């Protein structure tokens, strides 16, 4: 807590091996990193929070947790980012904040502002709670302000639903399934584990509630969006049935006004 990382090279904090469990980044500052303020991409990242911190003038994401541990198929899990500010983060290929396909995650009470460069997006992730956030960024051509993913957990006891509340973004919202985007990165590790007969995963899109046990009514990835704006698209109180594989909304139900 109360730490400052200024012009520390590629990263402020970088941990891409083993496990990080029960952790907290509190009231800290990250400035001038070339690749990311905090990068924990290929790791058993679980049970942690980033609270009340500031990320500024970073050449990549302020926070980058996209990835997991290929040996046991473990995605980042139980991560919450709250009351943080991201100023001039991201680049033409990466958003200001990249939470990947974190399971049981939350992104709340945060502000993302990038105006001095064009970036690939303000926020990317699969938050099951996404609320009270402002995203005001200069976007690269055809880039979305927000990129949301569906949950890809293997367990059937965790909910697939997502709640978005009081989020204001100056650009469009898109839905994607890029769960296997890191396959090439893991290829050498997979080959080594295969050769030694050790367990591993080659694909991450293994949520049985999306595949073998998908709801028969077709509502695999429901999103509730309340009092939010994404560019010209406004939501008062809507329930969306989203096909993240196709990147489209299959059905939109306007719910009664709820106060």
C-alpha atoms as a PDB file:
ATOM      1  CA  UNK A   1       0.000   0.000   0.000  1.00  0.00           C
ATOM      2  CA  UNK A   2       0.997   3.633  -0.624  1.00  0.00           C
ATOM      3  CA  UNK A   3       3.706   2.646  -3.087  1.00  0.00           C
ATOM      4  CA  UNK A   4       4.924   4.644  -6.080  1.00  0.00           C
ATOM      5  CA  UNK A   5       6.297   3.102  -9.271  1.00  0.00           C
ATOM      6  CA  UNK A   6       7.685   5.798 -11.579  1.00  0.00           C
ATOM      7  CA  UNK A   7       9.513   5.151 -14.865  1.00  0.00           C
ATOM      8  CA  UNK A   8      10.375   1.595 -13.799  1.00  0.00           C
ATOM      9  CA  UNK A   9      10.984   0.247 -17.291  1.00  0.00           C
ATOM     10  CA  UNK A  10       8.561  -2.178 -18.908  1.00  0.00           C
ATOM     11  CA  UNK A  11       6.433  -2.775 -15.804  1.00  0.00           C
ATOM     12  CA  UNK A  12       5.652  -1.499 -12.339  1.00  0.00           C
ATOM     13  CA  UNK A  13       4.685  -4.958 -11.092  1.00  0.00           C
ATOM     14  CA  UNK A  14       5.129  -8.052 -13.266  1.00  0.00           C
ATOM     15  CA  UNK A  15       4.454 -11.601 -12.109  1.00  0.00           C
ATOM     16  CA  UNK A  16       3.971 -14.325 -14.691  1.00  0.00           C
ATOM     17  CA  UNK A  17       4.691 -17.567 -12.902  1.00  0.00           C
ATOM     18  CA  UNK A  18       3.480 -19.668  -9.968  1.00  0.00           C
ATOM     19  CA  UNK A  19       0.512 -18.303  -7.983  1.00  0.00           C
ATOM     20  CA  UNK A  20      -0.595 -14.986  -6.533  1.00  0.00           C
ATOM     21  CA  UNK A  21      -3.305 -15.514  -3.936  1.00  0.00           C
ATOM     22  CA  UNK A  22      -4.913 -13.170  -1.376  1.00  0.00           C
ATOM     23  CA  UNK A  23      -3.270  -9.938  -2.512  1.00  0.00           C
ATOM     24  CA  UNK A  24      -4.022  -6.225  -2.348  1.00  0.00           C
ATOM     25  CA  UNK A  25      -2.730  -3.146  -4.164  1.00  0.00           C
ATOM     26  CA  UNK A  26      -3.965  -0.153  -2.163  1.00  0.00           C
ATOM     27  CA  UNK A  27      -3.506   3.604  -2.739  1.00  0.00           C
ATOM     28  CA  UNK A  28      -0.539   3.162  -5.055  1.00  0.00           C
ATOM     29  CA  UNK A  29       0.702   5.024  -8.142  1.00  0.00           C
ATOM     30  CA  UNK A  30       2.093   3.736 -11.433  1.00  0.00           C
ATOM     31  CA  UNK A  31       3.616   6.150 -13.958  1.00  0.00           C
ATOM     32  CA  UNK A  32       5.693   5.945 -17.094  1.00  0.00           C
ATOM     33  CA  UNK A  33       5.878   2.176 -17.605  1.00  0.00           C
ATOM     34  CA  UNK A  34       6.510   1.081 -21.194  1.00  0.00           C
ATOM     35  CA  UNK A  35       4.292  -2.045 -21.358  1.00  0.00           C
ATOM     36  CA  UNK A  36       1.949  -2.143 -18.342  1.00  0.00           C
ATOM     37  CA  UNK A  37       1.555  -0.764 -14.853  1.00  0.00           C
ATOM     38  CA  UNK A  38       0.596  -4.164 -13.437  1.00  0.00           C
ATOM     39  CA  UNK A  39       1.025  -7.280 -15.608  1.00  0.00           C
ATOM     40  CA  UNK A  40       0.015 -10.674 -14.221  1.00  0.00           C
ATOM     41  CA  UNK A  41      -0.873 -12.499 -17.399  1.00  0.00           C
ATOM     42  CA  UNK A  42       0.147 -16.162 -17.186  1.00  0.00           C
ATOM     43  CA  UNK A  43      -0.403 -16.966 -13.550  1.00  0.00           C
ATOM     44  CA  UNK A  44      -2.800 -18.498 -11.029  1.00  0.00           C
ATOM     45  CA  UNK A  45      -4.103 -15.052 -10.091  1.00  0.00           C
ATOM     46  CA  UNK A  46      -6.814 -15.360  -7.457  1.00  0.00           C
ATOM     47  CA  UNK A  47      -8.515 -13.531  -4.592  1.00  0.00           C
ATOM     48  CA  UNK A  48      -7.205  -9.998  -4.972  1.00  0.00           C
ATOM     49  CA  UNK A  49      -8.038  -6.316  -5.257  1.00  0.00           C
ATOM     50  CA  UNK A  50      -6.616  -3.119  -6.720  1.00  0.00           C
ATOM     51  CA  UNK A  51      -8.147  -0.195  -4.841  1.00  0.00           C
ATOM     52  CA  UNK A  52      -7.786   3.571  -4.909  1.00  0.00           C
ATOM     53  CA  UNK A  53      -4.767   3.554  -7.211  1.00  0.00           C
ATOM     54  CA  UNK A  54      -3.645   5.731 -10.116  1.00  0.00           C
ATOM     55  CA  UNK A  55      -2.140   4.635 -13.437  1.00  0.00           C
ATOM     56  CA  UNK A  56      -0.733   7.361 -15.672  1.00  0.00           C
ATOM     57  CA  UNK A  57       1.184   7.722 -18.953  1.00  0.00           C
ATOM     58  CA  UNK A  58       1.663   4.002 -19.538  1.00  0.00           C
ATOM     59  CA  UNK A  59       2.583   2.579 -22.948  1.00  0.00           C
ATOM     60  CA  UNK A  60       0.192  -0.368 -22.587  1.00  0.00           C
ATOM     61  CA  UNK A  61      -2.640  -1.303 -20.232  1.00  0.00           C
ATOM     62  CA  UNK A  62      -2.598   0.142 -16.764  1.00  0.00           C
ATOM     63  CA  UNK A  63      -3.619  -3.344 -15.624  1.00  0.00           C
ATOM     64  CA  UNK A  64      -3.193  -6.481 -17.742  1.00  0.00           C
ATOM     65  CA  UNK A  65      -4.424  -9.804 -16.343  1.00  0.00           C
ATOM     66  CA  UNK A  66      -5.265 -11.581 -19.592  1.00  0.00           C
ATOM     67  CA  UNK A  67      -4.125 -15.210 -19.456  1.00  0.00           C
ATOM     68  CA  UNK A  68      -3.904 -18.024 -16.953  1.00  0.00           C
ATOM     69  CA  UNK A  69      -1.965 -21.169 -16.152  1.00  0.00           C
ATOM     70  CA  UNK A  70      -1.979 -23.649 -19.021  1.00  0.00           C
ATOM     71  CA  UNK A  71      -0.800 -26.540 -16.832  1.00  0.00           C
ATOM     72  CA  UNK A  72      -4.014 -26.639 -14.857  1.00  0.00           C
ATOM     73  CA  UNK A  73      -6.290 -24.511 -17.016  1.00  0.00           C
ATOM     74  CA  UNK A  74      -6.600 -21.852 -14.359  1.00  0.00           C
ATOM     75  CA  UNK A  75      -7.960 -18.491 -15.374  1.00  0.00           C
ATOM     76  CA  UNK A  76      -7.577 -15.390 -13.181  1.00  0.00           C
ATOM     77  CA  UNK A  77     -10.325 -15.626 -10.586  1.00  0.00           C
ATOM     78  CA  UNK A  78     -11.868 -13.387  -7.959  1.00  0.00           C
ATOM     79  CA  UNK A  79     -10.277 -10.058  -9.004  1.00  0.00           C
ATOM     80  CA  UNK A  80     -11.802  -6.671  -8.145  1.00  0.00           C
ATOM     81  CA  UNK A  81     -10.613  -3.249  -9.356  1.00  0.00           C
ATOM     82  CA  UNK A  82     -12.280  -0.398  -7.450  1.00  0.00           C
ATOM     83  CA  UNK A  83     -11.923   3.389  -7.191  1.00  0.00           C
ATOM     84  CA  UNK A  84      -8.978   3.625  -9.571  1.00  0.00           C
ATOM     85  CA  UNK A  85      -8.031   6.179 -12.207  1.00  0.00           C
ATOM     86  CA  UNK A  86      -6.366   5.363 -15.524  1.00  0.00           C
ATOM     87  CA  UNK A  87      -4.924   8.344 -17.391  1.00  0.00           C
ATOM     88  CA  UNK A  88      -3.228   8.054 -20.795  1.00  0.00           C
ATOM     89  CA  UNK A  89      -2.901   4.256 -20.712  1.00  0.00           C
ATOM     90  CA  UNK A  90      -3.201   1.783 -23.599  1.00  0.00           C
ATOM     91  CA  UNK A  91      -1.929   1.763 -27.177  1.00  0.00           C
ATOM     92  CA  UNK A  92      -3.161   1.048 -30.698  1.00  0.00           C
ATOM     93  CA  UNK A  93      -3.270  -2.717 -29.987  1.00  0.00           C
ATOM     94  CA  UNK A  94      -4.217  -2.834 -26.297  1.00  0.00           C
ATOM     95  CA  UNK A  95      -6.894  -1.102 -24.210  1.00  0.00           C
ATOM     96  CA  UNK A  96      -6.248   1.064 -21.173  1.00  0.00           C
ATOM     97  CA  UNK A  97      -7.404  -1.795 -18.910  1.00  0.00           C
ATOM     98  CA  UNK A  98      -7.347  -5.476 -19.889  1.00  0.00           C
ATOM     99  CA  UNK A  99      -8.876  -7.940 -17.407  1.00  0.00           C
ATOM    100  CA  UNK A 100      -9.057 -10.765 -19.931  1.00  0.00           C
ATOM    101  CA  UNK A 101     -11.448 -13.563 -19.076  1.00  0.00           C
ATOM    102  CA  UNK A 102     -11.228 -13.197 -15.339  1.00  0.00           C
ATOM    103  CA  UNK A 103     -13.871 -15.246 -13.550  1.00  0.00           C
ATOM    104  CA  UNK A 104     -15.987 -13.721 -10.781  1.00  0.00           C
ATOM    105  CA  UNK A 105     -14.513 -10.285 -11.389  1.00  0.00           C
ATOM    106  CA  UNK A 106     -15.683  -6.750 -10.737  1.00  0.00           C
ATOM    107  CA  UNK A 107     -14.747  -3.341 -12.151  1.00  0.00           C
ATOM    108  CA  UNK A 108     -16.363  -0.549 -10.140  1.00  0.00           C
ATOM    109  CA  UNK A 109     -16.091   3.195  -9.448  1.00  0.00           C
ATOM    110  CA  UNK A 110     -13.239   3.698 -11.919  1.00  0.00           C
ATOM    111  CA  UNK A 111     -12.363   6.406 -14.431  1.00  0.00           C
ATOM    112  CA  UNK A 112     -10.480   5.849 -17.693  1.00  0.00           C
ATOM    113  CA  UNK A 113      -9.269   8.833 -19.703  1.00  0.00           C
ATOM    114  CA  UNK A 114      -6.933   8.802 -22.693  1.00  0.00           C
ATOM    115  CA  UNK A 115      -6.869  11.796 -25.017  1.00  0.00           C
ATOM    116  CA  UNK A 116      -3.263  12.224 -26.185  1.00  0.00           C
ATOM    117  CA  UNK A 117      -3.145   9.010 -28.237  1.00  0.00           C
ATOM    118  CA  UNK A 118      -5.498   6.664 -30.025  1.00  0.00           C
ATOM    119  CA  UNK A 119      -5.945   3.308 -28.314  1.00  0.00           C
ATOM    120  CA  UNK A 120      -7.618  -0.054 -28.952  1.00  0.00           C
ATOM    121  CA  UNK A 121     -10.242   0.522 -26.278  1.00  0.00           C
ATOM    122  CA  UNK A 122     -10.919   1.783 -22.804  1.00  0.00           C
ATOM    123  CA  UNK A 123     -11.759  -1.483 -21.060  1.00  0.00           C
ATOM    124  CA  UNK A 124     -11.749  -5.190 -21.873  1.00  0.00           C
ATOM    125  CA  UNK A 125     -12.915  -7.932 -19.545  1.00  0.00           C
ATOM    126  CA  UNK A 126     -15.666 -10.261 -18.387  1.00  0.00           C
ATOM    127  CA  UNK A 127     -16.829  -8.517 -15.211  1.00  0.00           C
ATOM    128  CA  UNK A 128     -19.885  -9.927 -13.557  1.00  0.00           C
ATOM    129  CA  UNK A 129     -20.221  -6.593 -11.782  1.00  0.00           C
ATOM    130  CA  UNK A 130     -19.397  -3.507 -13.868  1.00  0.00           C
ATOM    131  CA  UNK A 131     -20.708  -0.299 -12.362  1.00  0.00           C
ATOM    132  CA  UNK A 132     -20.204   3.417 -11.741  1.00  0.00           C
ATOM    133  CA  UNK A 133     -17.441   3.844 -14.319  1.00  0.00           C
ATOM    134  CA  UNK A 134     -16.598   6.600 -16.799  1.00  0.00           C
ATOM    135  CA  UNK A 135     -14.640   5.832 -19.960  1.00  0.00           C
ATOM    136  CA  UNK A 136     -13.563   8.763 -22.132  1.00  0.00           C
ATOM    137  CA  UNK A 137     -10.881   7.748 -24.617  1.00  0.00           C
ATOM    138  CA  UNK A 138      -9.577   8.574 -28.071  1.00  0.00           C
ATOM    139  CA  UNK A 139     -10.132   5.416 -30.082  1.00  0.00           C
ATOM    140  CA  UNK A 140      -8.155   3.893 -32.925  1.00  0.00           C
ATOM    141  CA  UNK A 141     -10.122   3.309 -36.132  1.00  0.00           C
ATOM    142  CA  UNK A 142     -13.061   0.916 -35.589  1.00  0.00           C
ATOM    143  CA  UNK A 143     -12.056   0.266 -31.981  1.00  0.00           C
ATOM    144  CA  UNK A 144     -14.729  -0.144 -29.279  1.00  0.00           C
ATOM    145  CA  UNK A 145     -14.666   1.781 -26.040  1.00  0.00           C
ATOM    146  CA  UNK A 146     -15.658  -1.378 -24.135  1.00  0.00           C
ATOM    147  CA  UNK A 147     -15.083  -5.029 -25.029  1.00  0.00           C
ATOM    148  CA  UNK A 148     -17.006  -7.559 -22.947  1.00  0.00           C
ATOM    149  CA  UNK A 149     -16.598 -11.327 -22.837  1.00  0.00           C
ATOM    150  CA  UNK A 150     -18.693 -14.147 -21.455  1.00  0.00           C
ATOM    151  CA  UNK A 151     -17.551 -16.185 -18.469  1.00  0.00           C
ATOM    152  CA  UNK A 152     -15.493 -19.209 -19.488  1.00  0.00           C
ATOM    153  CA  UNK A 153     -15.180 -21.016 -16.147  1.00  0.00           C
ATOM    154  CA  UNK A 154     -15.306 -24.795 -16.075  1.00  0.00           C
ATOM    155  CA  UNK A 155     -17.380 -24.954 -12.906  1.00  0.00           C
ATOM    156  CA  UNK A 156     -21.156 -25.140 -13.337  1.00  0.00           C
ATOM    157  CA  UNK A 157     -21.851 -23.567  -9.953  1.00  0.00           C
ATOM    158  CA  UNK A 158     -20.683 -20.089 -10.960  1.00  0.00           C
ATOM    159  CA  UNK A 159     -23.140 -17.772 -12.649  1.00  0.00           C
ATOM    160  CA  UNK A 160     -22.868 -16.822 -16.312  1.00  0.00           C
ATOM    161  CA  UNK A 161     -24.719 -13.539 -15.877  1.00  0.00           C
ATOM    162  CA  UNK A 162     -23.316 -10.005 -15.949  1.00  0.00           C
ATOM    163  CA  UNK A 163     -24.666  -6.769 -14.438  1.00  0.00           C
ATOM    164  CA  UNK A 164     -23.686  -3.405 -15.916  1.00  0.00           C
ATOM    165  CA  UNK A 165     -24.865  -0.337 -14.016  1.00  0.00           C
ATOM    166  CA  UNK A 166     -24.175   3.385 -14.419  1.00  0.00           C
ATOM    167  CA  UNK A 167     -21.391   3.014 -16.965  1.00  0.00           C
ATOM    168  CA  UNK A 168     -20.754   5.918 -19.334  1.00  0.00           C
ATOM    169  CA  UNK A 169     -18.437   5.361 -22.315  1.00  0.00           C
ATOM    170  CA  UNK A 170     -17.827   7.672 -25.250  1.00  0.00           C
ATOM    171  CA  UNK A 171     -17.659   4.832 -27.781  1.00  0.00           C
ATOM    172  CA  UNK A 172     -19.356   1.571 -28.702  1.00  0.00           C
ATOM    173  CA  UNK A 173     -19.746  -1.632 -26.713  1.00  0.00           C
ATOM    174  CA  UNK A 174     -18.878  -4.951 -28.365  1.00  0.00           C
ATOM    175  CA  UNK A 175     -19.098  -8.577 -27.247  1.00  0.00           C
ATOM    176  CA  UNK A 176     -16.376 -11.086 -28.140  1.00  0.00           C
ATOM    177  CA  UNK A 177     -15.155 -14.609 -27.491  1.00  0.00           C
ATOM    178  CA  UNK A 178     -11.364 -14.572 -27.631  1.00  0.00           C
ATOM    179  CA  UNK A 179     -10.892 -17.174 -24.912  1.00  0.00           C
ATOM    180  CA  UNK A 180      -8.239 -18.970 -26.935  1.00  0.00           C
ATOM    181  CA  UNK A 181      -6.345 -15.841 -27.965  1.00  0.00           C
ATOM    182  CA  UNK A 182      -3.279 -16.975 -26.030  1.00  0.00           C
ATOM    183  CA  UNK A 183      -3.048 -20.393 -27.729  1.00  0.00           C
ATOM    184  CA  UNK A 184       0.005 -19.458 -29.752  1.00  0.00           C
ATOM    185  CA  UNK A 185       1.778 -18.135 -26.672  1.00  0.00           C
ATOM    186  CA  UNK A 186       1.220 -21.426 -24.850  1.00  0.00           C
ATOM    187  CA  UNK A 187       2.108 -23.691 -27.802  1.00  0.00           C
ATOM    188  CA  UNK A 188       5.643 -24.560 -26.644  1.00  0.00           C
ATOM    189  CA  UNK A 189       4.473 -25.277 -23.110  1.00  0.00           C
ATOM    190  CA  UNK A 190       1.646 -27.479 -24.380  1.00  0.00           C
ATOM    191  CA  UNK A 191       4.088 -29.428 -26.587  1.00  0.00           C
ATOM    192  CA  UNK A 192       6.455 -29.976 -23.656  1.00  0.00           C
ATOM    193  CA  UNK A 193       3.689 -31.112 -21.310  1.00  0.00           C
ATOM    194  CA  UNK A 194       2.278 -33.425 -23.988  1.00  0.00           C
ATOM    195  CA  UNK A 195       5.688 -35.003 -24.578  1.00  0.00           C
ATOM    196  CA  UNK A 196       6.059 -35.718 -20.866  1.00  0.00           C
ATOM    197  CA  UNK A 197       2.512 -37.002 -20.471  1.00  0.00           C
ATOM    198  CA  UNK A 198       1.604 -34.266 -18.007  1.00  0.00           C
ATOM    199  CA  UNK A 199      -1.916 -32.845 -17.680  1.00  0.00           C
ATOM    200  CA  UNK A 200      -2.683 -29.530 -19.297  1.00  0.00           C
ATOM    201  CA  UNK A 201      -5.290 -27.687 -21.305  1.00  0.00           C
ATOM    202  CA  UNK A 202      -5.008 -26.731 -24.948  1.00  0.00           C
ATOM    203  CA  UNK A 203      -8.222 -24.735 -25.087  1.00  0.00           C
ATOM    204  CA  UNK A 204      -9.797 -22.417 -22.557  1.00  0.00           C
ATOM    205  CA  UNK A 205     -13.336 -22.242 -23.902  1.00  0.00           C
ATOM    206  CA  UNK A 206     -14.508 -25.099 -21.689  1.00  0.00           C
ATOM    207  CA  UNK A 207     -17.490 -23.730 -19.796  1.00  0.00           C
ATOM    208  CA  UNK A 208     -19.959 -26.637 -19.823  1.00  0.00           C
ATOM    209  CA  UNK A 209     -22.791 -24.164 -19.224  1.00  0.00           C
ATOM    210  CA  UNK A 210     -21.901 -22.742 -22.637  1.00  0.00           C
ATOM    211  CA  UNK A 211     -21.565 -26.088 -24.365  1.00  0.00           C
ATOM    212  CA  UNK A 212     -22.849 -29.473 -23.113  1.00  0.00           C
ATOM    213  CA  UNK A 213     -25.099 -28.001 -20.408  1.00  0.00           C
ATOM    214  CA  UNK A 214     -26.178 -24.835 -22.189  1.00  0.00           C
ATOM    215  CA  UNK A 215     -29.693 -23.655 -21.227  1.00  0.00           C
ATOM    216  CA  UNK A 216     -32.258 -25.009 -23.651  1.00  0.00           C
ATOM    217  CA  UNK A 217     -33.919 -21.607 -23.906  1.00  0.00           C
ATOM    218  CA  UNK A 218     -30.756 -20.214 -25.502  1.00  0.00           C
ATOM    219  CA  UNK A 219     -29.978 -17.662 -22.798  1.00  0.00           C
ATOM    220  CA  UNK A 220     -26.346 -18.638 -22.288  1.00  0.00           C
ATOM    221  CA  UNK A 221     -24.861 -15.220 -21.589  1.00  0.00           C
ATOM    222  CA  UNK A 222     -27.427 -12.785 -20.142  1.00  0.00           C
ATOM    223  CA  UNK A 223     -26.352  -9.196 -19.560  1.00  0.00           C
ATOM    224  CA  UNK A 224     -28.424  -6.747 -17.521  1.00  0.00           C
ATOM    225  CA  UNK A 225     -27.584  -3.149 -18.407  1.00  0.00           C
ATOM    226  CA  UNK A 226     -29.000  -0.362 -16.250  1.00  0.00           C
ATOM    227  CA  UNK A 227     -28.664   3.397 -16.808  1.00  0.00           C
ATOM    228  CA  UNK A 228     -25.627   3.119 -19.052  1.00  0.00           C
ATOM    229  CA  UNK A 229     -24.401   4.672 -22.279  1.00  0.00           C
ATOM    230  CA  UNK A 230     -21.946   3.411 -24.880  1.00  0.00           C
ATOM    231  CA  UNK A 231     -21.518   6.082 -27.507  1.00  0.00           C
ATOM    232  CA  UNK A 232     -24.904   6.685 -29.114  1.00  0.00           C
ATOM    233  CA  UNK A 233     -26.402   3.506 -27.595  1.00  0.00           C
ATOM    234  CA  UNK A 234     -28.332   4.157 -24.395  1.00  0.00           C
ATOM    235  CA  UNK A 235     -29.777   1.614 -21.985  1.00  0.00           C
ATOM    236  CA  UNK A 236     -32.392   2.528 -19.388  1.00  0.00           C
ATOM    237  CA  UNK A 237     -32.973  -0.968 -18.025  1.00  0.00           C
ATOM    238  CA  UNK A 238     -32.379  -3.794 -20.492  1.00  0.00           C
ATOM    239  CA  UNK A 239     -31.826  -7.525 -20.464  1.00  0.00           C
ATOM    240  CA  UNK A 240     -29.670  -8.803 -23.314  1.00  0.00           C
ATOM    241  CA  UNK A 241     -29.247 -12.339 -24.590  1.00  0.00           C
ATOM    242  CA  UNK A 242     -25.769 -12.199 -26.106  1.00  0.00           C
ATOM    243  CA  UNK A 243     -24.075 -14.587 -28.497  1.00  0.00           C
ATOM    244  CA  UNK A 244     -20.455 -13.741 -27.694  1.00  0.00           C
ATOM    245  CA  UNK A 245     -19.193 -16.212 -30.323  1.00  0.00           C
ATOM    246  CA  UNK A 246     -20.944 -14.259 -33.068  1.00  0.00           C
ATOM    247  CA  UNK A 247     -20.484 -10.922 -31.325  1.00  0.00           C
ATOM    248  CA  UNK A 248     -24.149 -10.006 -31.493  1.00  0.00           C
ATOM    249  CA  UNK A 249     -27.200  -9.456 -29.319  1.00  0.00           C
ATOM    250  CA  UNK A 250     -29.772 -12.168 -30.034  1.00  0.00           C
ATOM    251  CA  UNK A 251     -32.543 -10.554 -28.026  1.00  0.00           C
ATOM    252  CA  UNK A 252     -33.041  -7.339 -26.103  1.00  0.00           C
ATOM    253  CA  UNK A 253     -35.818  -7.058 -23.525  1.00  0.00           C
ATOM    254  CA  UNK A 254     -36.702  -3.651 -22.119  1.00  0.00           C
ATOM    255  CA  UNK A 255     -37.597  -4.125 -18.460  1.00  0.00           C
ATOM    256  CA  UNK A 256     -40.021  -1.960 -16.472  1.00  0.00           C
ATOM    257  CA  UNK A 257     -38.514   1.120 -14.868  1.00  0.00           C
ATOM    258  CA  UNK A 258     -36.909   0.168 -11.610  1.00  0.00           C
ATOM    259  CA  UNK A 259     -36.152   2.773  -8.976  1.00  0.00           C
END
